Amino acid sequence: MPVQATYDYRATPADLQENFHGNQLAYFGWDQHLMFCSPVCLPLPPHMPFADLLREVLPGVYSSHPDWAHIDWAAVEWNVDGEPFTPDPEAGLIDQGIGHKSLIRFRTPGLDGIGGVAS
């Protein structure tokens, strides 16, 4: 059932990009690894090279999972905002179409969570 305001409702979202001091929000989800039950949101510089994201940022989020050390990064399947994606390691996030509040999902073939049960 749709909801309709009974008055002229106006609001300014608090998560506008200009509120993040030059950063943009990006959501990351590791498919088949529900130890992380939902995507994590990170404020990142728009021009951060993708290689820096892999080397400096994502380990701080996901390396506690036993599968992390076994990832074959050449085989990872990426998806950005519902579309397949092949990252350029040297290009910045924004240069590759990763915008404010984009959802980046990655799948690691052969690694399906603790005991293979997507955890």
N, C-alpha and C. Protein backbone atom coordinates (compact mmCIF):
# COMPACT_ATOMS: atom_id res chain seq x y z
N MET A 1 0.84 -1.18 0.00
CA MET A 1 0.00 0.00 0.00
C MET A 1 0.89 1.24 0.00
N PRO A 2 0.71 2.14 -0.96
CA PRO A 2 1.54 3.34 -1.01
C PRO A 2 1.23 4.28 0.16
N VAL A 3 2.25 5.02 0.54
CA VAL A 3 2.11 6.00 1.62
C VAL A 3 2.16 7.39 1.00
N GLN A 4 1.26 8.24 1.45
CA GLN A 4 1.23 9.60 0.94
C GLN A 4 1.22 10.57 2.12
N ALA A 5 2.14 11.54 2.08
CA ALA A 5 2.19 12.54 3.15
C ALA A 5 0.94 13.40 3.11
N THR A 6 0.48 13.81 4.27
CA THR A 6 -0.72 14.64 4.34
C THR A 6 -0.39 16.13 4.27
N TYR A 7 0.89 16.45 4.08
CA TYR A 7 1.32 17.83 3.95
C TYR A 7 2.52 17.86 3.01
N ASP A 8 3.01 19.02 2.68
CA ASP A 8 4.15 19.18 1.77
C ASP A 8 5.43 18.81 2.51
N TYR A 9 5.82 17.56 2.42
CA TYR A 9 6.98 17.03 3.13
C TYR A 9 8.25 17.29 2.32
N ARG A 10 9.21 17.95 2.94
CA ARG A 10 10.50 18.21 2.29
C ARG A 10 11.61 17.89 3.28
N ALA A 11 12.61 17.19 2.78
CA ALA A 11 13.75 16.84 3.63
C ALA A 11 15.01 16.83 2.79
N THR A 12 16.12 17.13 3.42
CA THR A 12 17.42 17.04 2.76
C THR A 12 18.12 15.81 3.31
N PRO A 13 18.46 14.86 2.45
CA PRO A 13 19.15 13.66 2.93
C PRO A 13 20.47 14.02 3.62
N ALA A 14 20.77 13.34 4.69
CA ALA A 14 22.02 13.60 5.43
C ALA A 14 23.21 12.92 4.79
N ASP A 15 22.98 11.99 3.85
CA ASP A 15 24.09 11.25 3.26
C ASP A 15 24.49 11.77 1.88
N LEU A 16 24.27 13.05 1.63
CA LEU A 16 24.72 13.65 0.37
C LEU A 16 26.24 13.63 0.32
N GLN A 17 26.80 13.48 -0.86
CA GLN A 17 28.25 13.37 -1.00
C GLN A 17 28.97 14.58 -0.41
N GLU A 18 28.42 15.76 -0.54
CA GLU A 18 29.10 16.95 -0.02
C GLU A 18 29.25 16.94 1.51
N ASN A 19 28.59 16.03 2.18
CA ASN A 19 28.71 15.92 3.64
C ASN A 19 29.85 15.00 4.08
N PHE A 20 30.66 14.49 3.14
CA PHE A 20 31.69 13.51 3.49
C PHE A 20 33.10 14.00 3.20
N HIS A 21 33.31 15.32 3.24
CA HIS A 21 34.64 15.93 3.21
C HIS A 21 35.49 15.45 2.04
N GLY A 22 34.91 15.40 0.85
CA GLY A 22 35.64 15.00 -0.34
C GLY A 22 35.58 13.51 -0.64
N ASN A 23 35.03 12.73 0.26
CA ASN A 23 34.90 11.29 0.04
C ASN A 23 33.53 10.98 -0.55
N GLN A 24 33.38 9.76 -1.01
CA GLN A 24 32.08 9.25 -1.43
C GLN A 24 31.85 7.93 -0.72
N LEU A 25 30.61 7.60 -0.49
CA LEU A 25 30.28 6.33 0.15
C LEU A 25 30.28 5.23 -0.90
N ALA A 26 30.80 4.08 -0.51
CA ALA A 26 30.74 2.89 -1.37
C ALA A 26 30.38 1.71 -0.48
N TYR A 27 29.47 0.88 -0.94
CA TYR A 27 29.04 -0.31 -0.23
C TYR A 27 29.74 -1.52 -0.84
N PHE A 28 30.21 -2.44 0.02
CA PHE A 28 30.91 -3.64 -0.43
C PHE A 28 30.25 -4.87 0.17
N GLY A 29 30.02 -5.86 -0.68
CA GLY A 29 29.47 -7.13 -0.23
C GLY A 29 30.27 -8.28 -0.81
N TRP A 30 30.62 -9.25 0.02
CA TRP A 30 31.36 -10.43 -0.41
C TRP A 30 30.36 -11.57 -0.50
N ASP A 31 30.00 -11.95 -1.71
CA ASP A 31 29.00 -13.00 -1.91
C ASP A 31 29.46 -14.33 -1.33
N GLN A 32 28.52 -15.08 -0.81
CA GLN A 32 28.73 -16.40 -0.20
C GLN A 32 29.60 -16.34 1.06
N HIS A 33 29.62 -15.20 1.71
CA HIS A 33 30.39 -15.05 2.95
C HIS A 33 29.55 -14.28 3.97
N LEU A 34 28.56 -14.98 4.48
CA LEU A 34 27.58 -14.34 5.36
C LEU A 34 28.07 -14.12 6.78
N MET A 35 29.35 -14.41 7.03
CA MET A 35 29.94 -13.94 8.28
C MET A 35 29.82 -12.41 8.32
N PHE A 36 29.76 -11.83 7.13
CA PHE A 36 29.50 -10.40 6.94
C PHE A 36 28.09 -10.33 6.34
N CYS A 37 27.10 -10.18 7.18
CA CYS A 37 25.72 -10.42 6.79
C CYS A 37 25.13 -9.39 5.84
N SER A 38 25.78 -8.26 5.71
CA SER A 38 25.28 -7.24 4.80
C SER A 38 26.46 -6.45 4.26
N PRO A 39 26.25 -5.71 3.18
CA PRO A 39 27.35 -4.89 2.67
C PRO A 39 27.83 -3.88 3.71
N VAL A 40 29.12 -3.60 3.68
CA VAL A 40 29.69 -2.58 4.56
C VAL A 40 29.80 -1.29 3.76
N CYS A 41 29.62 -0.18 4.44
CA CYS A 41 29.68 1.13 3.79
C CYS A 41 30.97 1.82 4.23
N LEU A 42 31.73 2.29 3.23
CA LEU A 42 33.01 2.92 3.51
C LEU A 42 33.09 4.28 2.83
N PRO A 43 33.58 5.31 3.53
CA PRO A 43 33.82 6.60 2.88
C PRO A 43 35.20 6.56 2.23
N LEU A 44 35.26 6.73 0.91
CA LEU A 44 36.52 6.59 0.17
C LEU A 44 36.75 7.78 -0.76
N PRO A 45 38.02 8.12 -0.98
CA PRO A 45 38.30 9.17 -1.97
C PRO A 45 37.87 8.71 -3.36
N PRO A 46 37.16 9.53 -4.11
CA PRO A 46 36.68 9.13 -5.43
C PRO A 46 37.79 8.73 -6.40
N HIS A 47 38.98 9.30 -6.22
CA HIS A 47 40.08 9.03 -7.15
C HIS A 47 41.03 7.96 -6.63
N MET A 48 40.65 7.25 -5.55
CA MET A 48 41.48 6.17 -5.04
C MET A 48 41.61 5.09 -6.11
N PRO A 49 42.85 4.68 -6.45
CA PRO A 49 43.01 3.58 -7.40
C PRO A 49 42.43 2.28 -6.83
N PHE A 50 41.87 1.49 -7.72
CA PHE A 50 41.25 0.24 -7.29
C PHE A 50 42.27 -0.66 -6.60
N ALA A 51 43.53 -0.64 -7.05
CA ALA A 51 44.57 -1.46 -6.43
C ALA A 51 44.77 -1.06 -4.96
N ASP A 52 44.68 0.22 -4.65
CA ASP A 52 44.81 0.67 -3.25
C ASP A 52 43.64 0.18 -2.41
N LEU A 53 42.46 0.15 -3.00
CA LEU A 53 41.29 -0.38 -2.31
C LEU A 53 41.54 -1.83 -1.91
N LEU A 54 42.04 -2.62 -2.85
CA LEU A 54 42.30 -4.04 -2.58
C LEU A 54 43.42 -4.24 -1.57
N ARG A 55 44.44 -3.43 -1.67
CA ARG A 55 45.63 -3.60 -0.85
C ARG A 55 45.50 -2.98 0.55
N GLU A 56 44.83 -1.82 0.64
CA GLU A 56 44.85 -1.05 1.88
C GLU A 56 43.52 -0.99 2.63
N VAL A 57 42.41 -1.14 1.92
CA VAL A 57 41.11 -0.93 2.56
C VAL A 57 40.39 -2.25 2.87
N LEU A 58 40.16 -3.05 1.85
CA LEU A 58 39.36 -4.26 2.05
C LEU A 58 39.96 -5.26 3.04
N PRO A 59 41.29 -5.40 3.15
CA PRO A 59 41.81 -6.32 4.18
C PRO A 59 41.36 -5.92 5.59
N GLY A 60 41.24 -4.64 5.86
CA GLY A 60 40.80 -4.19 7.17
C GLY A 60 39.36 -4.56 7.48
N VAL A 61 38.60 -4.82 6.43
CA VAL A 61 37.20 -5.19 6.59
C VAL A 61 37.03 -6.71 6.63
N TYR A 62 37.69 -7.42 5.71
CA TYR A 62 37.38 -8.82 5.47
C TYR A 62 38.45 -9.83 5.88
N SER A 63 39.63 -9.40 6.24
CA SER A 63 40.71 -10.37 6.46
C SER A 63 40.52 -11.27 7.68
N SER A 64 39.54 -10.98 8.52
CA SER A 64 39.27 -11.88 9.65
C SER A 64 38.62 -13.18 9.19
N HIS A 65 38.13 -13.22 7.95
CA HIS A 65 37.53 -14.45 7.42
C HIS A 65 38.62 -15.39 6.94
N PRO A 66 38.55 -16.69 7.29
CA PRO A 66 39.59 -17.63 6.87
C PRO A 66 39.78 -17.75 5.36
N ASP A 67 38.76 -17.46 4.57
CA ASP A 67 38.88 -17.54 3.11
C ASP A 67 39.72 -16.40 2.52
N TRP A 68 39.84 -15.30 3.23
CA TRP A 68 40.49 -14.10 2.69
C TRP A 68 41.90 -14.41 2.16
N ALA A 69 42.66 -15.15 2.90
CA ALA A 69 44.05 -15.44 2.52
C ALA A 69 44.14 -16.32 1.27
N HIS A 70 43.04 -16.93 0.87
CA HIS A 70 43.05 -17.87 -0.25
C HIS A 70 42.43 -17.30 -1.53
N ILE A 71 42.11 -16.03 -1.53
CA ILE A 71 41.46 -15.44 -2.71
C ILE A 71 42.44 -15.38 -3.88
N ASP A 72 41.98 -15.87 -5.02
CA ASP A 72 42.69 -15.70 -6.28
C ASP A 72 42.10 -14.46 -6.93
N TRP A 73 42.79 -13.32 -6.78
CA TRP A 73 42.22 -12.06 -7.22
C TRP A 73 42.01 -12.01 -8.73
N ALA A 74 42.76 -12.80 -9.49
CA ALA A 74 42.56 -12.84 -10.94
C ALA A 74 41.24 -13.52 -11.31
N ALA A 75 40.70 -14.34 -10.41
CA ALA A 75 39.46 -15.06 -10.69
C ALA A 75 38.22 -14.39 -10.08
N VAL A 76 38.40 -13.35 -9.29
CA VAL A 76 37.26 -12.71 -8.63
C VAL A 76 36.31 -12.12 -9.67
N GLU A 77 35.03 -12.32 -9.43
CA GLU A 77 33.98 -11.77 -10.28
C GLU A 77 33.39 -10.56 -9.58
N TRP A 78 33.43 -9.42 -10.26
CA TRP A 78 32.98 -8.15 -9.70
C TRP A 78 31.66 -7.73 -10.31
N ASN A 79 30.90 -6.97 -9.53
CA ASN A 79 29.62 -6.44 -9.96
C ASN A 79 29.47 -5.06 -9.32
N VAL A 80 29.14 -4.05 -10.11
CA VAL A 80 28.91 -2.71 -9.57
C VAL A 80 27.50 -2.27 -9.95
N ASP A 81 26.73 -1.98 -8.95
CA ASP A 81 25.35 -1.52 -9.14
C ASP A 81 24.56 -2.45 -10.05
N GLY A 82 24.76 -3.76 -9.86
CA GLY A 82 23.99 -4.76 -10.58
C GLY A 82 24.53 -5.14 -11.95
N GLU A 83 25.65 -4.58 -12.34
CA GLU A 83 26.23 -4.87 -13.65
C GLU A 83 27.61 -5.51 -13.49
N PRO A 84 27.95 -6.49 -14.33
CA PRO A 84 29.31 -7.06 -14.29
C PRO A 84 30.35 -5.97 -14.49
N PHE A 85 31.50 -6.14 -13.87
CA PHE A 85 32.51 -5.09 -13.83
C PHE A 85 33.90 -5.72 -13.84
N THR A 86 34.79 -5.17 -14.63
CA THR A 86 36.19 -5.58 -14.63
C THR A 86 37.00 -4.37 -14.21
N PRO A 87 37.55 -4.40 -12.98
CA PRO A 87 38.26 -3.22 -12.50
C PRO A 87 39.61 -3.01 -13.19
N ASP A 88 39.95 -1.75 -13.33
CA ASP A 88 41.29 -1.35 -13.77
C ASP A 88 42.04 -1.00 -12.49
N PRO A 89 43.08 -1.75 -12.13
CA PRO A 89 43.75 -1.54 -10.85
C PRO A 89 44.31 -0.13 -10.67
N GLU A 90 44.71 0.53 -11.76
CA GLU A 90 45.34 1.84 -11.65
C GLU A 90 44.36 3.00 -11.73
N ALA A 91 43.15 2.75 -12.18
CA ALA A 91 42.16 3.82 -12.33
C ALA A 91 41.43 4.08 -11.02
N GLY A 92 41.02 5.32 -10.84
CA GLY A 92 40.27 5.70 -9.66
C GLY A 92 38.86 5.13 -9.68
N LEU A 93 38.24 5.12 -8.51
CA LEU A 93 36.89 4.58 -8.39
C LEU A 93 35.92 5.32 -9.30
N ILE A 94 35.91 6.65 -9.20
CA ILE A 94 34.96 7.45 -9.98
C ILE A 94 35.20 7.30 -11.48
N ASP A 95 36.47 7.11 -11.86
CA ASP A 95 36.81 6.96 -13.28
C ASP A 95 36.28 5.65 -13.86
N GLN A 96 35.91 4.72 -12.99
CA GLN A 96 35.39 3.42 -13.44
C GLN A 96 33.89 3.31 -13.24
N GLY A 97 33.25 4.44 -12.95
CA GLY A 97 31.80 4.43 -12.80
C GLY A 97 31.32 4.07 -11.41
N ILE A 98 32.23 4.02 -10.45
CA ILE A 98 31.84 3.76 -9.06
C ILE A 98 31.54 5.11 -8.43
N GLY A 99 30.27 5.37 -8.22
CA GLY A 99 29.85 6.66 -7.73
C GLY A 99 29.45 6.63 -6.26
N HIS A 100 28.95 7.76 -5.80
CA HIS A 100 28.49 7.89 -4.42
C HIS A 100 27.35 6.90 -4.17
N LYS A 101 27.51 6.07 -3.17
CA LYS A 101 26.56 5.05 -2.74
C LYS A 101 26.44 3.88 -3.72
N SER A 102 27.47 3.65 -4.55
CA SER A 102 27.47 2.46 -5.40
C SER A 102 27.60 1.21 -4.53
N LEU A 103 27.04 0.12 -5.03
CA LEU A 103 27.17 -1.18 -4.39
C LEU A 103 28.13 -2.02 -5.21
N ILE A 104 29.25 -2.41 -4.60
CA ILE A 104 30.26 -3.25 -5.24
C ILE A 104 30.19 -4.62 -4.58
N ARG A 105 29.89 -5.63 -5.38
CA ARG A 105 29.84 -7.00 -4.87
C ARG A 105 30.97 -7.77 -5.52
N PHE A 106 31.54 -8.71 -4.75
CA PHE A 106 32.55 -9.57 -5.34
C PHE A 106 32.31 -11.01 -4.94
N ARG A 107 32.57 -11.89 -5.90
CA ARG A 107 32.39 -13.33 -5.73
C ARG A 107 33.74 -13.98 -5.93
N THR A 108 34.08 -14.91 -5.06
CA THR A 108 35.37 -15.59 -5.10
C THR A 108 35.13 -17.06 -5.43
N PRO A 109 35.19 -17.42 -6.73
CA PRO A 109 34.92 -18.80 -7.13
C PRO A 109 35.81 -19.79 -6.37
N GLY A 110 35.18 -20.87 -5.89
CA GLY A 110 35.91 -21.89 -5.15
C GLY A 110 35.98 -21.64 -3.66
N LEU A 111 35.64 -20.43 -3.25
CA LEU A 111 35.62 -20.09 -1.83
C LEU A 111 34.18 -19.76 -1.47
N ASP A 112 33.55 -20.64 -0.74
CA ASP A 112 32.13 -20.50 -0.43
C ASP A 112 31.87 -20.43 1.06
N GLY A 113 32.75 -19.76 1.77
CA GLY A 113 32.54 -19.56 3.19
C GLY A 113 33.08 -20.70 4.04
N ILE A 114 32.98 -20.54 5.34
CA ILE A 114 33.49 -21.51 6.29
C ILE A 114 32.77 -22.85 6.08
N GLY A 115 33.54 -23.87 5.81
CA GLY A 115 32.96 -25.20 5.57
C GLY A 115 32.12 -25.29 4.31
N GLY A 116 32.22 -24.29 3.42
CA GLY A 116 31.45 -24.31 2.18
C GLY A 116 29.97 -24.02 2.35
N VAL A 117 29.59 -23.42 3.48
CA VAL A 117 28.17 -23.18 3.74
C VAL A 117 27.81 -21.69 3.70
N ALA A 118 28.57 -20.91 2.94
CA ALA A 118 28.29 -19.49 2.74
C ALA A 118 28.33 -18.68 4.02
N SER A 119 29.18 -19.08 4.94
CA SER A 119 29.29 -18.30 6.19
C SER A 119 30.63 -17.62 6.26
